[in-house]
Protein backbone atom coordinates (compact mmCIF):
# COMPACT_ATOMS: atom_id res chain seq x y z
CA MET A 1 0.00 0.00 0.00
CA SER A 2 1.53 3.32 -1.09
CA LEU A 3 1.82 6.04 1.51
CA GLY A 4 -0.61 8.95 1.31
CA PRO A 5 0.31 12.53 2.21
CA THR A 6 -0.68 12.18 5.87
CA ALA A 7 1.51 9.13 6.37
CA ARG A 8 4.38 10.78 4.48
CA ARG A 9 4.24 13.79 6.81
CA ARG A 10 4.36 11.41 9.74
CA ARG A 11 7.32 9.53 8.24
CA LEU A 12 9.05 12.85 7.62
CA GLY A 13 8.47 13.82 11.24
CA SER A 14 9.94 10.56 12.54
CA LEU A 15 13.06 11.01 10.41
CA LEU A 16 13.38 14.65 11.47
CA THR A 17 13.34 13.51 15.09
CA GLU A 18 16.06 10.95 14.37
CA VAL A 19 18.24 13.54 12.63
CA ARG A 20 17.78 16.04 15.46
CA THR A 21 18.61 13.42 18.08
CA ALA A 22 21.71 12.30 16.16
CA ALA A 23 22.84 15.95 16.08
CA HIS A 24 22.41 16.13 19.88
CA ARG A 25 19.93 18.99 19.57
CA SER A 26 16.82 19.44 21.71
CA VAL A 27 13.40 20.63 20.57
CA GLN A 28 14.14 23.91 22.34
CA ASP A 29 17.46 24.21 20.47
CA ALA A 30 15.66 23.80 17.14
CA ALA A 31 12.94 26.27 18.10
CA ASP A 32 15.53 28.86 19.15
CA GLN A 33 17.44 28.41 15.89
CA LEU A 34 14.32 28.97 13.75
CA ASP A 35 12.87 31.59 16.12
CA CYS A 36 9.62 29.66 16.48
CA SER A 37 7.74 27.85 19.24
CA GLU A 38 8.64 24.40 20.53
CA GLY A 39 5.07 23.42 19.67
CA LYS A 40 5.75 24.10 16.00
CA ILE A 41 8.80 21.82 16.04
CA ARG A 42 6.79 19.09 17.77
CA ASN A 43 3.97 19.42 15.23
CA TRP A 44 6.48 18.86 12.44
CA GLU A 45 8.02 15.89 14.22
CA THR A 46 4.65 14.22 14.83
CA GLY A 47 3.37 14.98 11.33
CA ARG A 48 0.48 17.03 12.67
CA SER A 49 1.39 19.87 10.31
CA GLY A 50 3.39 20.22 7.13
CA ILE A 51 6.74 21.97 6.90
CA LYS A 52 7.79 24.48 4.23
CA LYS A 53 10.86 23.89 2.07
CA VAL A 54 12.76 26.83 3.56
CA GLU A 55 11.99 25.66 7.11
CA LEU A 56 13.12 22.11 6.38
CA SER A 57 16.31 23.38 4.76
CA ALA A 58 17.09 25.59 7.76
CA LEU A 59 16.59 22.71 10.20
CA LEU A 60 18.75 20.33 8.18
CA ASP A 61 21.49 22.95 7.90
CA TYR A 62 21.42 23.33 11.67
CA TYR A 63 21.49 19.57 12.21
CA GLY A 64 24.29 19.08 9.69
CA ALA A 65 22.29 16.45 7.80
CA PRO A 66 24.09 14.63 4.94
CA GLU A 67 22.92 15.12 1.35
CA ASP A 68 21.26 11.71 0.97
CA VAL A 69 19.15 12.32 4.07
CA ARG A 70 18.26 15.82 2.87
CA GLY A 71 17.05 14.41 -0.44
CA GLN A 72 14.92 11.78 1.26
CA LEU A 73 13.33 14.32 3.59
CA GLU A 74 12.66 16.81 0.81
CA GLU A 75 10.90 14.13 -1.24
CA LEU A 76 8.73 13.26 1.77
CA ARG A 77 7.99 16.96 2.27
CA ARG A 78 6.83 17.37 -1.35
CA GLU A 79 4.66 14.26 -1.25
CA GLY A 80 3.26 15.24 2.14
CA ALA A 81 2.08 18.56 0.73
CA LYS A 82 -0.17 16.84 -1.82
CA ARG A 83 -3.86 16.22 -1.28
CA GLY A 84 -5.17 12.72 -0.59
CA TRP A 85 -8.05 11.13 -2.52
CA TRP A 86 -10.32 11.80 0.46
CA SER A 87 -9.94 15.57 0.11
CA THR A 88 -12.79 15.68 -2.44
CA TYR A 89 -15.31 13.93 -0.18
CA ARG A 90 -16.24 16.88 2.07
CA LEU A 91 -15.00 15.14 5.18
CA PRO A 92 -14.73 17.25 8.34
CA ASP A 93 -11.25 18.63 8.99
CA TRP A 94 -10.88 16.67 12.23
CA PHE A 95 -11.41 13.36 10.39
CA LYS A 96 -9.09 13.84 7.41
CA PRO A 97 -5.85 13.09 9.31
CA TYR A 98 -7.32 9.80 10.53
CA VAL A 99 -8.39 8.72 7.05
CA GLY A 100 -4.93 9.49 5.74
CA LEU A 101 -3.33 7.35 8.43
CA GLU A 102 -5.85 4.54 7.95
CA GLN A 103 -4.94 4.38 4.27
CA ALA A 104 -1.32 3.67 5.18
CA ALA A 105 -2.06 1.28 8.07
CA SER A 106 -1.52 -2.45 7.95
CA GLU A 107 -3.86 -3.22 10.86
CA VAL A 108 -6.87 -1.55 12.48
CA ARG A 109 -8.07 -2.41 15.98
CA ASN A 110 -11.49 -0.90 16.60
CA PHE A 111 -13.90 -0.99 19.54
CA GLU A 112 -17.43 0.35 19.11
CA ILE A 113 -20.21 0.65 21.67
CA GLU A 114 -23.19 2.06 19.76
CA LEU A 115 -22.40 1.44 16.08
CA VAL A 116 -21.20 -1.21 13.71
CA PRO A 117 -17.58 -0.23 12.84
CA GLY A 118 -17.38 2.10 9.85
CA LEU A 119 -15.24 -0.32 7.83
CA LEU A 120 -17.99 -2.94 8.18
CA GLN A 121 -21.05 -0.78 7.46
CA THR A 122 -23.39 -1.15 4.50
CA GLU A 123 -24.19 1.88 2.38
CA ALA A 124 -27.77 2.04 3.73
CA TYR A 125 -26.62 1.82 7.35
CA ALA A 126 -23.93 4.46 6.80
CA ARG A 127 -26.47 6.76 5.15
CA GLU A 128 -28.76 6.51 8.17
CA ILE A 129 -25.86 7.33 10.49
CA HIS A 130 -24.75 10.35 8.47
CA SER A 131 -28.33 11.57 8.04
CA THR A 132 -28.84 11.81 11.79
CA GLY A 133 -25.37 12.66 13.07
CA ARG A 134 -23.63 15.99 13.64
CA HIS A 135 -26.45 18.01 12.06
CA ILE A 136 -25.52 17.30 8.43
CA THR A 137 -28.43 18.64 6.39
CA ASP A 138 -27.02 19.01 2.86
CA PRO A 139 -27.88 15.82 0.89
CA ALA A 140 -24.73 16.31 -1.20
CA ASP A 141 -22.58 16.25 1.95
CA ILE A 142 -24.28 13.06 3.09
CA ASP A 143 -23.70 11.44 -0.31
CA LYS A 144 -20.02 12.39 -0.25
CA ARG A 145 -19.43 11.08 3.27
CA VAL A 146 -21.18 7.80 2.57
CA ALA A 147 -19.14 7.42 -0.63
CA ALA A 148 -15.94 8.09 1.34
CA ARG A 149 -16.85 5.39 3.85
CA MET A 150 -17.46 2.89 1.06
CA ALA A 151 -14.13 3.85 -0.55
CA ARG A 152 -12.28 3.29 2.73
CA GLN A 153 -13.67 -0.25 2.90
CA GLN A 154 -11.88 -1.22 -0.31
CA ARG A 155 -8.74 -1.73 1.77
CA LEU A 156 -10.31 -4.89 3.23
CA THR A 157 -10.23 -6.65 -0.15
CA ALA A 158 -7.20 -4.92 -1.70
CA GLU A 159 -3.73 -6.44 -1.93
CA PRO A 160 -2.28 -6.56 0.59
CA PRO A 161 -5.54 -6.55 2.57
CA LEU A 162 -5.97 -4.40 5.65
CA GLU A 163 -6.14 -6.48 8.83
CA LEU A 164 -9.19 -5.56 10.93
CA ARG A 165 -9.72 -6.60 14.53
CA ALA A 166 -13.11 -5.37 15.72
CA VAL A 167 -14.83 -5.69 19.08
CA VAL A 168 -18.46 -4.60 18.92
CA ALA A 169 -20.69 -4.14 21.95
CA GLU A 170 -23.89 -6.18 21.77
CA ALA A 171 -25.99 -3.01 22.05
CA ALA A 172 -24.76 -1.88 18.63
CA LEU A 173 -26.25 -5.01 17.06
CA HIS A 174 -29.65 -4.60 18.72
CA ARG A 175 -29.97 -0.86 18.15
CA ARG A 176 -32.15 -0.24 15.11
CA VAL A 177 -30.51 2.14 12.66
CA GLY A 178 -33.11 2.91 10.02
CA SER A 179 -35.61 0.15 9.26
CA ALA A 180 -35.56 -3.50 10.23
CA ASP A 181 -34.55 -4.27 6.64
CA VAL A 182 -31.55 -1.95 6.92
CA MET A 183 -30.45 -3.73 10.09
CA ALA A 184 -30.98 -7.20 8.62
CA GLU A 185 -28.88 -6.25 5.59
CA GLN A 186 -26.22 -4.75 7.86
CA LEU A 187 -25.89 -7.87 9.98
CA ASP A 188 -25.82 -10.04 6.84
CA HIS A 189 -22.93 -7.91 5.66
CA LEU A 190 -21.19 -8.16 9.04
CA ILE A 191 -21.48 -11.95 8.96
CA ALA A 192 -20.06 -12.11 5.43
CA LEU A 193 -17.10 -9.84 6.15
CA SER A 194 -16.29 -11.63 9.40
CA LYS A 195 -15.52 -14.71 7.31
CA LEU A 196 -12.69 -12.94 5.48
CA PRO A 197 -9.28 -14.21 6.66
CA ASN A 198 -8.13 -10.66 7.45
CA VAL A 199 -11.21 -9.69 9.48
CA ILE A 200 -11.91 -10.76 13.07
CA VAL A 201 -15.16 -9.68 14.73
CA GLN A 202 -15.92 -10.32 18.39
CA VAL A 203 -19.04 -9.31 20.30
CA LEU A 204 -18.85 -7.89 23.81
CA THR A 205 -22.08 -9.14 25.36
CA TYR A 206 -24.22 -7.52 28.04
CA GLU A 207 -23.19 -10.36 30.34
CA ALA A 208 -19.55 -9.22 30.14
CA GLY A 209 -20.48 -6.45 32.57
CA THR A 210 -18.25 -3.45 33.10
CA HIS A 211 -15.23 -3.09 30.84
CA PRO A 212 -12.23 -0.76 30.31
CA SER A 213 -13.92 1.54 27.78
CA MET A 214 -17.40 2.22 29.14
CA THR A 215 -17.40 5.85 27.99
CA GLY A 216 -16.82 5.28 24.28
CA GLY A 217 -15.13 3.53 21.40
CA PHE A 218 -11.66 4.02 19.97
CA THR A 219 -9.33 2.84 17.22
CA VAL A 220 -5.64 1.95 17.10
CA LEU A 221 -3.71 1.79 13.82
CA SER A 222 -0.50 -0.16 13.23
CA PHE A 223 1.85 0.14 10.25
CA ALA A 224 4.05 -2.26 8.31
CA GLU A 225 7.11 -0.06 8.69
CA PRO A 226 8.68 -0.83 12.11
CA THR A 227 9.77 2.78 12.57
CA ASP A 228 6.17 4.01 12.29
CA PRO A 229 4.63 3.84 15.79
CA ASP A 230 1.00 2.94 16.45
CA VAL A 231 -1.49 5.79 16.52
CA GLY A 232 -4.91 6.02 18.15
CA PHE A 233 -8.13 7.82 17.35
CA ALA A 234 -11.24 8.67 19.37
CA ASP A 235 -14.31 10.65 18.44
CA ASN A 236 -17.34 12.17 20.14
CA PRO A 237 -20.54 13.98 19.07
CA LEU A 238 -18.58 17.17 18.32
CA GLY A 239 -15.58 15.72 16.48
CA GLY A 240 -12.55 13.54 17.03
CA HIS A 241 -8.80 13.57 17.36
CA VAL A 242 -5.71 11.53 16.56
CA ILE A 243 -3.82 10.22 19.61
CA ASP A 244 -0.07 9.96 19.11
CA GLU A 245 1.39 10.23 22.61
CA ALA A 246 3.18 6.91 23.14
CA ALA A 247 1.83 6.35 26.67
CA ASP A 248 -1.76 7.02 25.59
CA VAL A 249 -1.52 4.71 22.58
CA ALA A 250 -0.01 1.99 24.78
CA ALA A 251 -2.97 2.37 27.16
CA LEU A 252 -5.40 1.97 24.25
CA ASN A 253 -3.65 -1.20 23.13
CA ILE A 254 -3.89 -2.63 26.64
CA MET A 255 -7.59 -1.74 26.79
CA PHE A 256 -8.23 -3.38 23.44
CA ASP A 257 -6.53 -6.59 24.55
CA GLU A 258 -8.69 -6.60 27.69
CA LEU A 259 -11.84 -6.03 25.61
CA ARG A 260 -10.94 -8.92 23.32
CA SER A 261 -10.46 -11.19 26.32
CA LEU A 262 -13.89 -10.19 27.68
CA ALA A 263 -15.67 -10.59 24.33
CA LEU A 264 -17.02 -13.83 22.90
CA PRO A 265 -14.69 -15.93 20.74
CA THR A 266 -15.16 -15.40 17.01
CA GLN A 267 -17.39 -18.40 16.30
CA ASP A 268 -19.62 -17.69 19.29
CA SER A 269 -19.77 -14.06 18.18
CA LEU A 270 -20.85 -15.12 14.70
CA ARG A 271 -23.63 -17.26 16.14
CA LEU A 272 -24.88 -14.36 18.27
CA VAL A 273 -24.85 -11.97 15.29
CA THR A 274 -26.84 -14.56 13.32
CA THR A 275 -29.41 -14.81 16.12
CA ILE A 276 -29.81 -11.02 16.36
CA HIS A 277 -30.06 -10.84 12.56
CA GLY A 278 -33.05 -13.18 12.76
CA GLU A 279 -34.71 -10.90 15.31
CA HIS A 280 -34.39 -7.90 12.99
CA ALA A 281 -35.50 -9.88 9.92
CA SER A 282 -38.69 -11.07 11.66
CA ARG A 283 -39.88 -7.58 12.58
């Protein structure tokens, strides 16, 4: 899977950090040299924001970076300044960085309490969600966001396929989104996708009781490149944000492992989804 601009900015940031560390310079040193804030340096190093050519050149001069490294970083800077395919889909600004990272990820670990995970949603289910969420009233915006969600799902059947590990709270399967037909179709789709070798779906039942993420769902992305650290994401009714602090991401990974241990095994989960599908289909 080729890197998109978001992932390239993140790769650039990781390499910038390595070059700075090798030069025995601190973030404060770099900020003083460029007469900018430490926050700006950190945003470059985490890939949260792009860096201009003149700024990159000034940093690399200060770090004494060799020519081959300078060329690699400049190429990443140019590619990171481009727009991703998702830029035409009218996605909210807070969600674009996540989509860019997801496109470069090799594995997604997702826990959802109230909804079927976005990568496993049908078009009809996704349309119902977007029609009622975050006060989106323009039909064209709804169409674009649904189309973007469907486009993201192509990673599940692409080569190499995206690995998806999903834990879904039982409530999300019972909650009617749209009509009974929409829900029956959605659970049919969930059953079909859960049979893919790269997709694992587990259900966290009511009987599991309290769990580590009672207040909401979250996602953790992993990447094929060993130097690219995991990154998390969490959203709420007003938006969402990427989580890249190492300690926070580690905590999310621990929580996800605990949720998987509390959830039903995959075959038992599939049987429960099939039972709930029958309940929706009979209404």
